[in-house]
């Protein structure tokens, strides 16, 4: 089955299960799509997105550093991995679509700037910020205390992560003891990895078996490993896990927790180089799109209403540093 056809069918299934809202066809927040991008069978996955767009707000735009205002573009880094519904390819197999692209576009609109996206590998998102190649990264980045040493954050979504296992596993995960001796995959360099490593270390200290951690950077790779029995579960972003469970019908969510671990609610944030002068502008733009309703429409479109925030926070408490 082609990538285009499989994504279209997957999104149609997701709509049927209620994870993606279906509304009237006149609202771009509820556009539907069938093969070739026609709007009559699921969420619009065609290259013509009819995105919800915003308008320049002077109070927010005035907070943007002068050099960037003169340039007129907002250079945004995004992960090149296909992770529906956050970021993936449209039916033309080249246009990037998803909730993160929609929110980043609204932020740029509000700041009176033209969004200029570049997709790179996860680790190169931060390299791009460090080198000032990117003004922002909006790509499911969780606020962590370690990252706050180098970057500034303006939150725009709650961060939850989930353990996904083969359907009918009869297994639930609530605490470190539940994963002792299990083989679990995760993407490297993520907050999920930090939590899993910490849980494994806690198990060892308690006299239990460590977690056998495997690494996959592409969702398709862990899907195959899960179904073949090479791993017991995968720990990743909750939206992506829910999407896969609903569309493939071969797996299930066996545990969910905050992306910050413990008693702290994780937060996803627009990320910029520390002291770039942009974080207040991002927070102001996010607050505006929350208030005018466009933010809520984007989240509803992609089935993420449960992760909405009421306002943007600048550099809130993040995932604690890994104890040495």
Foldseek 3Di string as FASTA:
>chain_A
DDPLQLVQLLQLLCCVVVLADADDCVDLLHFAQHRPQHGDRGFRQALPSVADEDAADVVLLVLADPVCVVVQAAEEEEAPAAQPQQWHHGSVRPHIHHLLVRVVRRLCRHNRGHYDYDHDHPVVNVVCQVVVVGQKYRYQAWFAPVVVVWKKWKFWWWFKKFKKAWPPPPAADDALVSQFPFEEEEAPPHLQVLVLQLSQVVQVVVVTHGYNYDYDRHPVVVVVCRVVVVGGIYMDTPLRNVSCCSRVVGMDTRYMDASLDDPDTITRTIMHTPPPSNNSSSQVSSQVCLVVVSSCSSCSNRSNNVTGDNGIDMNDHGRYDRDD
